[in-house]
Each structure stands twice: as structure tokens, then as C-alpha cells.
């Protein structure tokens, strides 16, 4: 029996990493096996991965030695950071550097680095159309990821730079779903104007990443963007209207208003949406739905995702 190639997956209990773990394990004919990295192998989510057939090991992105051990003997790795766990770009940069260095030292043959655009390549820190945050970022949670690309390039790590899109699960997990406004109408709120927002179901991110791994060397050194669909705020509101059988409108606010909403990270998220609005074509261009479908034939569009998750939308009664 041929030995399977080990893929070490960071963030294995999260949305992206977990999706890749399940994509590999659900393919009985896969050439790969999974080594799921987690900070706590005794957590319920980690135990669930073990029950699915994953090798679960403890590793800490802040600890290079633990990453070297976790990557040892693996063919490849999926590398992802989670900014919202600590909200520190510097910490995220260091974690990315640790992963790149561990990948170099262990001789990995293919790394997928889940990155995003460094908005400072489009808008300077001196440009006051968008506030500068933390002294040296425009969009801290994306700028650090984009900056960290160089860690993989400088070390000649065989890397696919993987650009994800807005998770539609944000409508469920982060309160972005339809909410009643002062007029009683249900609304979704974005500072995107009439520009399109690339979006995707989180489970499809892992499936697309698996498609890249199966393609192998064809995707090393390339930047690959994915999306399930590109939709305006109004088009997403229409999708909700069809799902719920009542009107949902698009509340088109300014980035300034969005930044003032006061939730943790509101300024960062407001700047993110403004960047995606102001440089919309540059943001959309690499996130190709056709390629995403080739990588993941089961790719969902927004209506399909909504129908699958209808029971998760607890919509308040409208008077």
C-alpha cells in the first residue's frame, strides 16, 4: 500500500483549516493524510477530528520548535493565522514568519499560505481618505498577511499564495445578517456602495485548498484567489428576501459610519470594506469563480448556501 503524503494543517479546528481537514478525510481515495495542528489536542473540536481519522498534534504558532516538530516528515502544510484571536498585526507577522521558517527547515514540498492584500500597496499611510490605524496600517488584519508573503518568498518555500473572500458565515456568526431597522424593515448593512463583494461558504475554502494540493506543482509560486460568487449588497439582500419570504433591504452606509459602529475591530473592518470598494476591480480580479469551481466542483453560490443554512437565521418578528 502506497504511503500517503502528510498535510500538516494549522488552524485545524477553525473554519479554513477544518474545512481542508474534512475535505481530505472525506475522500477515501486521497493521496494525502491529515496531521491536524491545534493548541489543545484534548479540546472537543480536536477530539472530533481524531474521530474522523486525523492525526492530531499540539503546536503553537508562537513557538518555532513546536512547528518544526509538527511539520517534520510532512509533504506539505496549510498555513493560516487568526488575527481576531489577539488583534495584533505584529503577532500575526511573527506567527507567519515561524511557519515559513519551519517549512524551510523541514523541507516541505508545498505550502498553501492563506493571505490577503496589503492595502498599503494601493493607499499610502499619508492618504487621509482612509484613517491610518495602529500607527502603520490601513487594514491591520489584511496588511500583515500581505506583508508576510515575503517571509515565504525570501526562504524559497514552495508556496501557493491563497486569497480567500468574505465568509458568508459572517451573516450567522458575527451578527451581519438581516436586522430590523428603525422603520421595522429588515436590512443588511455594508459600506460597499454598489460595488460587488466576493464571498464564499467557509467549507468551500478548505475544498478549494484541497483542489490546489491535488494539482500539486502547477500552483506553486502562484497567487490563487477564490470566491463562490461576486454580489452587490442589494443582490445579497434580494437573496435574503427570497429565502425569508419578506423584504430585506440593503442599508448602504459610508465607511465613516461603519467605522463608528463601536464593535471590536469596527475601524479595521470599515477600512477593509472601503479598500474593497475603492479598489474593487483589483480586489475582484484574482478571485475567479470559474477557477474556484474547477478546484472544487461542489462550490456553492449564495442562494445555495442560504438554502442550506436557512434554519440558522433567527429573524425577529417584524411588527
C-alpha atoms as a PDB file:
ATOM      1  CA  UNK A   1       0.000   0.000   0.000  1.00  0.00           C
ATOM      2  CA  UNK A   2       1.382   3.362  -1.033  1.00  0.00           C
ATOM      3  CA  UNK A   3       2.245   5.682   1.855  1.00  0.00           C
ATOM      4  CA  UNK A   4       0.087   8.771   1.858  1.00  0.00           C
ATOM      5  CA  UNK A   5       1.591  12.246   1.824  1.00  0.00           C
ATOM      6  CA  UNK A   6       1.045  14.065   5.118  1.00  0.00           C
ATOM      7  CA  UNK A   7      -0.506  17.534   5.038  1.00  0.00           C
ATOM      8  CA  UNK A   8       0.040  19.484   8.256  1.00  0.00           C
ATOM      9  CA  UNK A   9      -2.927  21.806   8.770  1.00  0.00           C
ATOM     10  CA  UNK A  10      -2.653  24.798  11.077  1.00  0.00           C
ATOM     11  CA  UNK A  11      -5.898  26.193  12.427  1.00  0.00           C
ATOM     12  CA  UNK A  12      -7.330  22.705  12.069  1.00  0.00           C
ATOM     13  CA  UNK A  13     -10.229  23.383  14.433  1.00  0.00           C
ATOM     14  CA  UNK A  14     -11.127  26.651  12.660  1.00  0.00           C
ATOM     15  CA  UNK A  15     -13.161  27.403   9.551  1.00  0.00           C
ATOM     16  CA  UNK A  16     -10.417  27.246   6.926  1.00  0.00           C
ATOM     17  CA  UNK A  17      -8.214  24.531   8.366  1.00  0.00           C
ATOM     18  CA  UNK A  18     -11.166  22.440   9.486  1.00  0.00           C
ATOM     19  CA  UNK A  19     -12.640  22.591   6.004  1.00  0.00           C
ATOM     20  CA  UNK A  20      -9.409  21.274   4.495  1.00  0.00           C
ATOM     21  CA  UNK A  21      -9.144  18.510   7.099  1.00  0.00           C
ATOM     22  CA  UNK A  22     -12.655  17.299   6.272  1.00  0.00           C
ATOM     23  CA  UNK A  23     -12.111  17.628   2.513  1.00  0.00           C
ATOM     24  CA  UNK A  24      -9.099  15.300   2.679  1.00  0.00           C
ATOM     25  CA  UNK A  25     -10.635  12.822   5.120  1.00  0.00           C
ATOM     26  CA  UNK A  26     -13.902  12.629   3.175  1.00  0.00           C
ATOM     27  CA  UNK A  27     -12.011  11.482   0.067  1.00  0.00           C
ATOM     28  CA  UNK A  28     -11.361   7.792   0.608  1.00  0.00           C
ATOM     29  CA  UNK A  29      -9.064   7.702  -2.424  1.00  0.00           C
ATOM     30  CA  UNK A  30      -6.987  10.689  -1.355  1.00  0.00           C
ATOM     31  CA  UNK A  31      -3.219  10.561  -1.825  1.00  0.00           C
ATOM     32  CA  UNK A  32      -2.950  12.633   1.354  1.00  0.00           C
ATOM     33  CA  UNK A  33      -3.388  12.081   5.068  1.00  0.00           C
ATOM     34  CA  UNK A  34      -4.016  14.798   7.654  1.00  0.00           C
ATOM     35  CA  UNK A  35      -1.932  15.994  10.543  1.00  0.00           C
ATOM     36  CA  UNK A  36      -4.179  18.456  12.363  1.00  0.00           C
ATOM     37  CA  UNK A  37      -2.354  21.085  14.409  1.00  0.00           C
ATOM     38  CA  UNK A  38      -4.056  22.542  17.467  1.00  0.00           C
ATOM     39  CA  UNK A  39      -3.029  24.216  20.698  1.00  0.00           C
ATOM     40  CA  UNK A  40      -5.117  21.750  22.743  1.00  0.00           C
ATOM     41  CA  UNK A  41      -5.500  18.191  21.476  1.00  0.00           C
ATOM     42  CA  UNK A  42      -7.966  17.473  24.289  1.00  0.00           C
ATOM     43  CA  UNK A  43     -10.499  20.068  23.160  1.00  0.00           C
ATOM     44  CA  UNK A  44     -13.858  18.820  21.881  1.00  0.00           C
ATOM     45  CA  UNK A  45     -13.081  20.063  18.355  1.00  0.00           C
ATOM     46  CA  UNK A  46      -9.704  18.307  18.362  1.00  0.00           C
ATOM     47  CA  UNK A  47     -11.263  15.069  19.598  1.00  0.00           C
ATOM     48  CA  UNK A  48     -13.833  15.324  16.806  1.00  0.00           C
ATOM     49  CA  UNK A  49     -11.018  15.488  14.237  1.00  0.00           C
ATOM     50  CA  UNK A  50      -9.376  12.440  15.798  1.00  0.00           C
ATOM     51  CA  UNK A  51     -12.643  10.533  15.477  1.00  0.00           C
ATOM     52  CA  UNK A  52     -12.754  11.431  11.779  1.00  0.00           C
ATOM     53  CA  UNK A  53      -9.335   9.885  11.270  1.00  0.00           C
ATOM     54  CA  UNK A  54      -6.937  12.812  11.566  1.00  0.00           C
ATOM     55  CA  UNK A  55      -3.605  12.623  13.359  1.00  0.00           C
ATOM     56  CA  UNK A  56      -3.949  15.423  15.915  1.00  0.00           C
ATOM     57  CA  UNK A  57      -0.812  17.038  17.334  1.00  0.00           C
ATOM     58  CA  UNK A  58      -0.259  20.025  19.575  1.00  0.00           C
ATOM     59  CA  UNK A  59       1.579  23.005  18.126  1.00  0.00           C
ATOM     60  CA  UNK A  60       1.747  26.715  18.827  1.00  0.00           C
ATOM     61  CA  UNK A  61       2.238  29.277  16.057  1.00  0.00           C
ATOM     62  CA  UNK A  62       4.227  31.385  18.523  1.00  0.00           C
ATOM     63  CA  UNK A  63       6.695  28.534  19.082  1.00  0.00           C
ATOM     64  CA  UNK A  64       9.015  27.708  16.170  1.00  0.00           C
ATOM     65  CA  UNK A  65      10.255  24.487  17.761  1.00  0.00           C
ATOM     66  CA  UNK A  66       6.728  23.112  18.115  1.00  0.00           C
ATOM     67  CA  UNK A  67       6.050  23.921  14.450  1.00  0.00           C
ATOM     68  CA  UNK A  68       9.251  22.184  13.346  1.00  0.00           C
ATOM     69  CA  UNK A  69       8.136  19.049  15.173  1.00  0.00           C
ATOM     70  CA  UNK A  70       4.631  19.273  13.742  1.00  0.00           C
ATOM     71  CA  UNK A  71       5.899  19.768  10.157  1.00  0.00           C
ATOM     72  CA  UNK A  72       8.587  17.063  10.394  1.00  0.00           C
ATOM     73  CA  UNK A  73       8.012  14.301   7.861  1.00  0.00           C
ATOM     74  CA  UNK A  74       5.106  16.083   6.187  1.00  0.00           C
ATOM     75  CA  UNK A  75       4.815  16.645   2.444  1.00  0.00           C
ATOM     76  CA  UNK A  76       3.030  19.977   2.743  1.00  0.00           C
ATOM     77  CA  UNK A  77       1.188  22.362   5.021  1.00  0.00           C
ATOM     78  CA  UNK A  78      -1.756  24.692   5.114  1.00  0.00           C
ATOM     79  CA  UNK A  79      -0.711  27.841   6.954  1.00  0.00           C
ATOM     80  CA  UNK A  80      -3.262  30.265   8.355  1.00  0.00           C
ATOM     81  CA  UNK A  81      -3.329  32.836  11.153  1.00  0.00           C
ATOM     82  CA  UNK A  82      -6.298  34.130  13.129  1.00  0.00           C
ATOM     83  CA  UNK A  83      -5.918  37.853  13.736  1.00  0.00           C
ATOM     84  CA  UNK A  84      -9.128  38.203  15.748  1.00  0.00           C
ATOM     85  CA  UNK A  85      -7.762  35.932  18.465  1.00  0.00           C
ATOM     86  CA  UNK A  86      -5.321  38.651  19.562  1.00  0.00           C
ATOM     87  CA  UNK A  87      -5.827  41.616  17.157  1.00  0.00           C
ATOM     88  CA  UNK A  88      -2.075  42.220  16.876  1.00  0.00           C
ATOM     89  CA  UNK A  89      -0.515  42.565  13.388  1.00  0.00           C
ATOM     90  CA  UNK A  90       2.942  42.145  14.890  1.00  0.00           C
ATOM     91  CA  UNK A  91       1.953  38.841  16.493  1.00  0.00           C
ATOM     92  CA  UNK A  92       0.443  37.701  13.198  1.00  0.00           C
ATOM     93  CA  UNK A  93       3.639  38.619  11.330  1.00  0.00           C
ATOM     94  CA  UNK A  94       5.746  36.635  13.785  1.00  0.00           C
ATOM     95  CA  UNK A  95       3.473  33.618  13.525  1.00  0.00           C
ATOM     96  CA  UNK A  96       3.711  33.703   9.733  1.00  0.00           C
ATOM     97  CA  UNK A  97       7.493  34.005   9.928  1.00  0.00           C
ATOM     98  CA  UNK A  98       7.602  30.996  12.265  1.00  0.00           C
ATOM     99  CA  UNK A  99       5.547  28.919   9.840  1.00  0.00           C
ATOM    100  CA  UNK A 100       7.697  29.945   6.870  1.00  0.00           C
ATOM    101  CA  UNK A 101      10.898  29.143   8.774  1.00  0.00           C
ATOM    102  CA  UNK A 102       9.562  25.779   9.970  1.00  0.00           C
ATOM    103  CA  UNK A 103       8.529  24.954   6.400  1.00  0.00           C
ATOM    104  CA  UNK A 104      12.040  25.795   5.165  1.00  0.00           C
ATOM    105  CA  UNK A 105      13.806  23.835   7.882  1.00  0.00           C
ATOM    106  CA  UNK A 106      11.675  20.725   7.375  1.00  0.00           C
ATOM    107  CA  UNK A 107      11.845  20.824   3.567  1.00  0.00           C
ATOM    108  CA  UNK A 108       8.132  20.923   2.848  1.00  0.00           C
ATOM    109  CA  UNK A 109       7.301  20.413  -0.812  1.00  0.00           C
ATOM    110  CA  UNK A 110       4.115  22.515  -0.982  1.00  0.00           C
ATOM    111  CA  UNK A 111       2.769  25.164   1.376  1.00  0.00           C
ATOM    112  CA  UNK A 112      -0.530  26.984   0.998  1.00  0.00           C
ATOM    113  CA  UNK A 113      -0.339  30.330   2.767  1.00  0.00           C
ATOM    114  CA  UNK A 114      -3.755  31.873   3.442  1.00  0.00           C
ATOM    115  CA  UNK A 115      -3.052  35.528   2.789  1.00  0.00           C
ATOM    116  CA  UNK A 116      -4.811  38.774   1.866  1.00  0.00           C
ATOM    117  CA  UNK A 117      -3.898  42.035   0.179  1.00  0.00           C
ATOM    118  CA  UNK A 118      -1.597  44.549   1.863  1.00  0.00           C
ATOM    119  CA  UNK A 119      -3.758  47.626   1.272  1.00  0.00           C
ATOM    120  CA  UNK A 120      -0.732  49.903   1.714  1.00  0.00           C
ATOM    121  CA  UNK A 121       0.330  48.869  -1.793  1.00  0.00           C
ATOM    122  CA  UNK A 122      -2.726  50.784  -3.027  1.00  0.00           C
ATOM    123  CA  UNK A 123      -3.213  53.572  -0.490  1.00  0.00           C
ATOM    124  CA  UNK A 124      -0.384  55.288   1.372  1.00  0.00           C
ATOM    125  CA  UNK A 125      -0.354  55.853   5.107  1.00  0.00           C
ATOM    126  CA  UNK A 126      -0.366  59.604   4.398  1.00  0.00           C
ATOM    127  CA  UNK A 127      -3.642  59.385   2.438  1.00  0.00           C
ATOM    128  CA  UNK A 128      -6.318  60.610   4.825  1.00  0.00           C
ATOM    129  CA  UNK A 129      -9.227  59.307   2.735  1.00  0.00           C
ATOM    130  CA  UNK A 130      -8.849  56.277   4.993  1.00  0.00           C
ATOM    131  CA  UNK A 131      -7.606  56.575   8.593  1.00  0.00           C
ATOM    132  CA  UNK A 132      -4.275  55.013   9.495  1.00  0.00           C
ATOM    133  CA  UNK A 133      -4.651  52.502  12.322  1.00  0.00           C
ATOM    134  CA  UNK A 134      -2.125  51.381  14.943  1.00  0.00           C
ATOM    135  CA  UNK A 135       0.335  53.904  13.510  1.00  0.00           C
ATOM    136  CA  UNK A 136       1.353  51.948  10.412  1.00  0.00           C
ATOM    137  CA  UNK A 137      -1.562  50.081   8.897  1.00  0.00           C
ATOM    138  CA  UNK A 138      -4.642  50.869   6.871  1.00  0.00           C
ATOM    139  CA  UNK A 139      -6.300  47.470   7.277  1.00  0.00           C
ATOM    140  CA  UNK A 140      -4.303  45.755  10.045  1.00  0.00           C
ATOM    141  CA  UNK A 141      -5.760  42.264   9.690  1.00  0.00           C
ATOM    142  CA  UNK A 142      -5.082  42.103   5.939  1.00  0.00           C
ATOM    143  CA  UNK A 143      -1.947  44.249   5.692  1.00  0.00           C
ATOM    144  CA  UNK A 144       0.048  41.958   7.990  1.00  0.00           C
ATOM    145  CA  UNK A 145      -0.917  38.873   5.986  1.00  0.00           C
ATOM    146  CA  UNK A 146       0.096  40.541   2.732  1.00  0.00           C
ATOM    147  CA  UNK A 147       3.364  41.755   4.239  1.00  0.00           C
ATOM    148  CA  UNK A 148       4.098  38.228   5.470  1.00  0.00           C
ATOM    149  CA  UNK A 149       4.148  36.878   1.896  1.00  0.00           C
ATOM    150  CA  UNK A 150       7.792  37.931   1.786  1.00  0.00           C
ATOM    151  CA  UNK A 151       8.710  35.509   4.582  1.00  0.00           C
ATOM    152  CA  UNK A 152       7.789  32.583   2.329  1.00  0.00           C
ATOM    153  CA  UNK A 153       9.367  34.122  -0.787  1.00  0.00           C
ATOM    154  CA  UNK A 154      12.662  35.046   0.901  1.00  0.00           C
ATOM    155  CA  UNK A 155      13.083  31.483   2.182  1.00  0.00           C
ATOM    156  CA  UNK A 156      12.250  29.950  -1.215  1.00  0.00           C
ATOM    157  CA  UNK A 157       9.453  27.933   0.362  1.00  0.00           C
ATOM    158  CA  UNK A 158       7.379  26.318  -2.440  1.00  0.00           C
ATOM    159  CA  UNK A 159       4.208  28.275  -1.763  1.00  0.00           C
ATOM    160  CA  UNK A 160       0.763  28.928  -3.197  1.00  0.00           C
ATOM    161  CA  UNK A 161      -0.494  32.323  -2.039  1.00  0.00           C
ATOM    162  CA  UNK A 162      -4.184  31.748  -1.324  1.00  0.00           C
ATOM    163  CA  UNK A 163      -6.594  34.697  -1.352  1.00  0.00           C
ATOM    164  CA  UNK A 164      -9.888  33.977   0.351  1.00  0.00           C
ATOM    165  CA  UNK A 165     -13.112  36.020   0.267  1.00  0.00           C
ATOM    166  CA  UNK A 166     -15.786  37.268   2.659  1.00  0.00           C
ATOM    167  CA  UNK A 167     -17.207  34.287   4.569  1.00  0.00           C
ATOM    168  CA  UNK A 168     -20.981  34.141   4.179  1.00  0.00           C
ATOM    169  CA  UNK A 169     -20.922  32.609   7.691  1.00  0.00           C
ATOM    170  CA  UNK A 170     -20.302  36.162   8.926  1.00  0.00           C
ATOM    171  CA  UNK A 171     -24.045  36.639   8.443  1.00  0.00           C
ATOM    172  CA  UNK A 172     -24.549  33.983  11.123  1.00  0.00           C
ATOM    173  CA  UNK A 173     -21.555  34.216  13.433  1.00  0.00           C
ATOM    174  CA  UNK A 174     -20.950  37.961  13.585  1.00  0.00           C
ATOM    175  CA  UNK A 175     -24.403  39.493  13.528  1.00  0.00           C
ATOM    176  CA  UNK A 176     -24.189  40.717   9.938  1.00  0.00           C
ATOM    177  CA  UNK A 177     -27.446  39.004   8.977  1.00  0.00           C
ATOM    178  CA  UNK A 178     -30.769  40.788   8.455  1.00  0.00           C
ATOM    179  CA  UNK A 179     -31.688  43.029  11.379  1.00  0.00           C
ATOM    180  CA  UNK A 180     -34.783  45.223  11.836  1.00  0.00           C
ATOM    181  CA  UNK A 181     -34.102  48.930  11.407  1.00  0.00           C
ATOM    182  CA  UNK A 182     -35.955  51.886  12.980  1.00  0.00           C
ATOM    183  CA  UNK A 183     -38.595  51.595  10.269  1.00  0.00           C
ATOM    184  CA  UNK A 184     -39.152  47.919  11.091  1.00  0.00           C
ATOM    185  CA  UNK A 185     -37.702  46.737   7.782  1.00  0.00           C
ATOM    186  CA  UNK A 186     -35.098  44.004   7.794  1.00  0.00           C
ATOM    187  CA  UNK A 187     -31.758  45.154   6.444  1.00  0.00           C
ATOM    188  CA  UNK A 188     -28.160  44.097   5.896  1.00  0.00           C
ATOM    189  CA  UNK A 189     -25.547  46.823   6.271  1.00  0.00           C
ATOM    190  CA  UNK A 190     -22.306  47.329   4.348  1.00  0.00           C
ATOM    191  CA  UNK A 191     -20.187  50.330   3.324  1.00  0.00           C
ATOM    192  CA  UNK A 192     -19.645  48.905  -0.173  1.00  0.00           C
ATOM    193  CA  UNK A 193     -21.817  51.288  -2.188  1.00  0.00           C
ATOM    194  CA  UNK A 194     -22.910  49.497  -5.355  1.00  0.00           C
ATOM    195  CA  UNK A 195     -19.666  47.535  -5.712  1.00  0.00           C
ATOM    196  CA  UNK A 196     -19.548  43.754  -5.703  1.00  0.00           C
ATOM    197  CA  UNK A 197     -18.240  41.796  -2.720  1.00  0.00           C
ATOM    198  CA  UNK A 198     -16.614  38.414  -3.448  1.00  0.00           C
ATOM    199  CA  UNK A 199     -17.998  35.881  -0.982  1.00  0.00           C
ATOM    200  CA  UNK A 200     -17.763  32.171  -0.255  1.00  0.00           C
ATOM    201  CA  UNK A 201     -19.026  29.444   2.069  1.00  0.00           C
ATOM    202  CA  UNK A 202     -16.280  28.722   4.599  1.00  0.00           C
ATOM    203  CA  UNK A 203     -16.351  24.960   3.963  1.00  0.00           C
ATOM    204  CA  UNK A 204     -15.631  25.654   0.292  1.00  0.00           C
ATOM    205  CA  UNK A 205     -12.348  27.352   1.230  1.00  0.00           C
ATOM    206  CA  UNK A 206     -10.972  24.054   2.500  1.00  0.00           C
ATOM    207  CA  UNK A 207     -12.293  22.207  -0.534  1.00  0.00           C
ATOM    208  CA  UNK A 208     -10.609  24.683  -2.879  1.00  0.00           C
ATOM    209  CA  UNK A 209      -7.362  24.359  -0.925  1.00  0.00           C
ATOM    210  CA  UNK A 210      -7.604  20.597  -1.331  1.00  0.00           C
ATOM    211  CA  UNK A 211      -8.028  21.108  -5.072  1.00  0.00           C
ATOM    212  CA  UNK A 212      -4.789  23.111  -5.108  1.00  0.00           C
ATOM    213  CA  UNK A 213      -2.927  20.366  -3.248  1.00  0.00           C
ATOM    214  CA  UNK A 214      -4.174  17.778  -5.730  1.00  0.00           C
ATOM    215  CA  UNK A 215      -2.897  19.927  -8.630  1.00  0.00           C
ATOM    216  CA  UNK A 216       0.487  19.957  -6.916  1.00  0.00           C
ATOM    217  CA  UNK A 217       3.354  21.781  -8.550  1.00  0.00           C
ATOM    218  CA  UNK A 218       1.084  23.527 -11.072  1.00  0.00           C
ATOM    219  CA  UNK A 219       0.133  26.042  -8.386  1.00  0.00           C
ATOM    220  CA  UNK A 220       3.478  26.584  -6.622  1.00  0.00           C
ATOM    221  CA  UNK A 221       4.621  30.192  -6.842  1.00  0.00           C
ATOM    222  CA  UNK A 222       1.199  31.414  -7.905  1.00  0.00           C
ATOM    223  CA  UNK A 223      -1.392  33.625  -6.249  1.00  0.00           C
ATOM    224  CA  UNK A 224      -4.801  31.942  -6.378  1.00  0.00           C
ATOM    225  CA  UNK A 225      -7.997  33.716  -5.348  1.00  0.00           C
ATOM    226  CA  UNK A 226     -11.308  32.015  -4.697  1.00  0.00           C
ATOM    227  CA  UNK A 227     -14.962  33.034  -4.446  1.00  0.00           C
ATOM    228  CA  UNK A 228     -18.363  31.392  -4.681  1.00  0.00           C
ATOM    229  CA  UNK A 229     -19.989  34.467  -6.181  1.00  0.00           C
ATOM    230  CA  UNK A 230     -19.456  38.229  -6.581  1.00  0.00           C
ATOM    231  CA  UNK A 231     -22.534  40.106  -5.336  1.00  0.00           C
ATOM    232  CA  UNK A 232     -23.570  43.648  -4.513  1.00  0.00           C
ATOM    233  CA  UNK A 233     -25.198  44.421  -1.179  1.00  0.00           C
ATOM    234  CA  UNK A 234     -28.526  44.772  -2.982  1.00  0.00           C
ATOM    235  CA  UNK A 235     -28.127  41.354  -4.604  1.00  0.00           C
ATOM    236  CA  UNK A 236     -27.382  39.745  -1.234  1.00  0.00           C
ATOM    237  CA  UNK A 237     -30.411  41.489   0.272  1.00  0.00           C
ATOM    238  CA  UNK A 238     -32.536  40.096  -2.572  1.00  0.00           C
ATOM    239  CA  UNK A 239     -31.224  36.615  -1.753  1.00  0.00           C
ATOM    240  CA  UNK A 240     -32.336  37.018   1.844  1.00  0.00           C
ATOM    241  CA  UNK A 241     -35.724  38.310   0.691  1.00  0.00           C
ATOM    242  CA  UNK A 242     -36.272  35.167  -1.383  1.00  0.00           C
ATOM    243  CA  UNK A 243     -35.134  32.943   1.478  1.00  0.00           C
ATOM    244  CA  UNK A 244     -37.249  34.546   4.194  1.00  0.00           C
ATOM    245  CA  UNK A 245     -40.299  35.436   2.166  1.00  0.00           C
ATOM    246  CA  UNK A 246     -40.203  39.062   3.290  1.00  0.00           C
ATOM    247  CA  UNK A 247     -38.380  42.137   2.093  1.00  0.00           C
ATOM    248  CA  UNK A 248     -34.768  42.602   3.170  1.00  0.00           C
ATOM    249  CA  UNK A 249     -33.161  45.868   2.094  1.00  0.00           C
ATOM    250  CA  UNK A 250     -29.538  46.884   1.676  1.00  0.00           C
ATOM    251  CA  UNK A 251     -28.509  49.616   4.096  1.00  0.00           C
ATOM    252  CA  UNK A 252     -25.760  51.390   2.169  1.00  0.00           C
ATOM    253  CA  UNK A 253     -23.767  53.300   4.812  1.00  0.00           C
ATOM    254  CA  UNK A 254     -20.499  55.212   4.449  1.00  0.00           C
ATOM    255  CA  UNK A 255     -17.214  53.733   5.687  1.00  0.00           C
ATOM    256  CA  UNK A 256     -17.089  56.581   8.225  1.00  0.00           C
ATOM    257  CA  UNK A 257     -20.414  55.493   9.711  1.00  0.00           C
ATOM    258  CA  UNK A 258     -19.378  51.823   9.697  1.00  0.00           C
ATOM    259  CA  UNK A 259     -16.108  52.590  11.479  1.00  0.00           C
ATOM    260  CA  UNK A 260     -18.149  54.279  14.204  1.00  0.00           C
ATOM    261  CA  UNK A 261     -20.346  51.259  14.981  1.00  0.00           C
ATOM    262  CA  UNK A 262     -18.209  50.552  18.055  1.00  0.00           C
ATOM    263  CA  UNK A 263     -17.822  46.772  17.963  1.00  0.00           C
ATOM    264  CA  UNK A 264     -14.277  45.396  18.459  1.00  0.00           C
ATOM    265  CA  UNK A 265     -12.436  45.829  15.174  1.00  0.00           C
ATOM    266  CA  UNK A 266     -15.047  48.157  13.624  1.00  0.00           C
ATOM    267  CA  UNK A 267     -12.401  50.571  12.331  1.00  0.00           C
ATOM    268  CA  UNK A 268     -10.384  47.733  10.821  1.00  0.00           C
ATOM    269  CA  UNK A 269     -13.441  46.148   9.169  1.00  0.00           C
ATOM    270  CA  UNK A 270     -14.696  49.534   7.983  1.00  0.00           C
ATOM    271  CA  UNK A 271     -11.340  50.215   6.338  1.00  0.00           C
ATOM    272  CA  UNK A 272     -11.370  46.728   4.813  1.00  0.00           C
ATOM    273  CA  UNK A 273     -14.712  47.295   3.128  1.00  0.00           C
ATOM    274  CA  UNK A 274     -13.628  50.771   1.972  1.00  0.00           C
ATOM    275  CA  UNK A 275     -10.492  49.273   0.401  1.00  0.00           C
ATOM    276  CA  UNK A 276     -12.552  46.598  -1.329  1.00  0.00           C
ATOM    277  CA  UNK A 277     -14.989  49.264  -2.559  1.00  0.00           C
ATOM    278  CA  UNK A 278     -12.419  51.826  -3.719  1.00  0.00           C
ATOM    279  CA  UNK A 279     -10.168  49.277  -5.438  1.00  0.00           C
ATOM    280  CA  UNK A 280     -12.956  46.920  -6.388  1.00  0.00           C
ATOM    281  CA  UNK A 281     -11.677  45.625  -9.704  1.00  0.00           C
ATOM    282  CA  UNK A 282      -8.209  44.946  -8.283  1.00  0.00           C
ATOM    283  CA  UNK A 283      -9.826  43.041  -5.422  1.00  0.00           C
ATOM    284  CA  UNK A 284     -12.247  41.052  -7.576  1.00  0.00           C
ATOM    285  CA  UNK A 285      -9.888  40.186 -10.434  1.00  0.00           C
ATOM    286  CA  UNK A 286      -7.846  37.404  -8.755  1.00  0.00           C
ATOM    287  CA  UNK A 287     -10.911  35.847  -7.082  1.00  0.00           C
ATOM    288  CA  UNK A 288     -12.157  33.818 -10.004  1.00  0.00           C
ATOM    289  CA  UNK A 289     -15.383  31.846  -9.561  1.00  0.00           C
ATOM    290  CA  UNK A 290     -14.617  29.669 -12.606  1.00  0.00           C
ATOM    291  CA  UNK A 291     -11.251  28.571 -11.205  1.00  0.00           C
ATOM    292  CA  UNK A 292     -12.803  28.035  -7.767  1.00  0.00           C
ATOM    293  CA  UNK A 293     -15.337  25.704  -9.397  1.00  0.00           C
ATOM    294  CA  UNK A 294     -12.573  23.796 -11.145  1.00  0.00           C
ATOM    295  CA  UNK A 295     -10.759  23.317  -7.841  1.00  0.00           C
ATOM    296  CA  UNK A 296     -13.992  22.455  -6.022  1.00  0.00           C
ATOM    297  CA  UNK A 297     -16.810  21.135  -8.242  1.00  0.00           C
ATOM    298  CA  UNK A 298     -19.179  21.253  -5.224  1.00  0.00           C
ATOM    299  CA  UNK A 299     -18.711  25.059  -4.929  1.00  0.00           C
ATOM    300  CA  UNK A 300     -21.874  26.747  -3.610  1.00  0.00           C
ATOM    301  CA  UNK A 301     -23.324  30.022  -4.797  1.00  0.00           C
ATOM    302  CA  UNK A 302     -25.026  32.405  -2.362  1.00  0.00           C
ATOM    303  CA  UNK A 303     -28.569  31.085  -2.873  1.00  0.00           C
ATOM    304  CA  UNK A 304     -27.421  27.506  -2.362  1.00  0.00           C
ATOM    305  CA  UNK A 305     -25.587  28.484   0.813  1.00  0.00           C
ATOM    306  CA  UNK A 306     -28.617  30.373   2.112  1.00  0.00           C
ATOM    307  CA  UNK A 307     -30.948  27.426   1.488  1.00  0.00           C
ATOM    308  CA  UNK A 308     -28.547  25.082   3.280  1.00  0.00           C
ATOM    309  CA  UNK A 309     -28.379  27.375   6.324  1.00  0.00           C
ATOM    310  CA  UNK A 310     -31.943  28.692   6.482  1.00  0.00           C
ATOM    311  CA  UNK A 311     -32.567  27.202   9.932  1.00  0.00           C
ATOM    312  CA  UNK A 312     -29.693  29.229  11.401  1.00  0.00           C
ATOM    313  CA  UNK A 313     -31.285  32.592  10.700  1.00  0.00           C
ATOM    314  CA  UNK A 314     -33.356  33.604  13.726  1.00  0.00           C
ATOM    315  CA  UNK A 315     -35.219  36.565  12.291  1.00  0.00           C
ATOM    316  CA  UNK A 316     -37.034  38.786  14.794  1.00  0.00           C
ATOM    317  CA  UNK A 317     -40.723  39.277  14.292  1.00  0.00           C
ATOM    318  CA  UNK A 318     -41.459  42.494  12.404  1.00  0.00           C
ATOM    319  CA  UNK A 319     -44.450  44.466  13.669  1.00  0.00           C
END
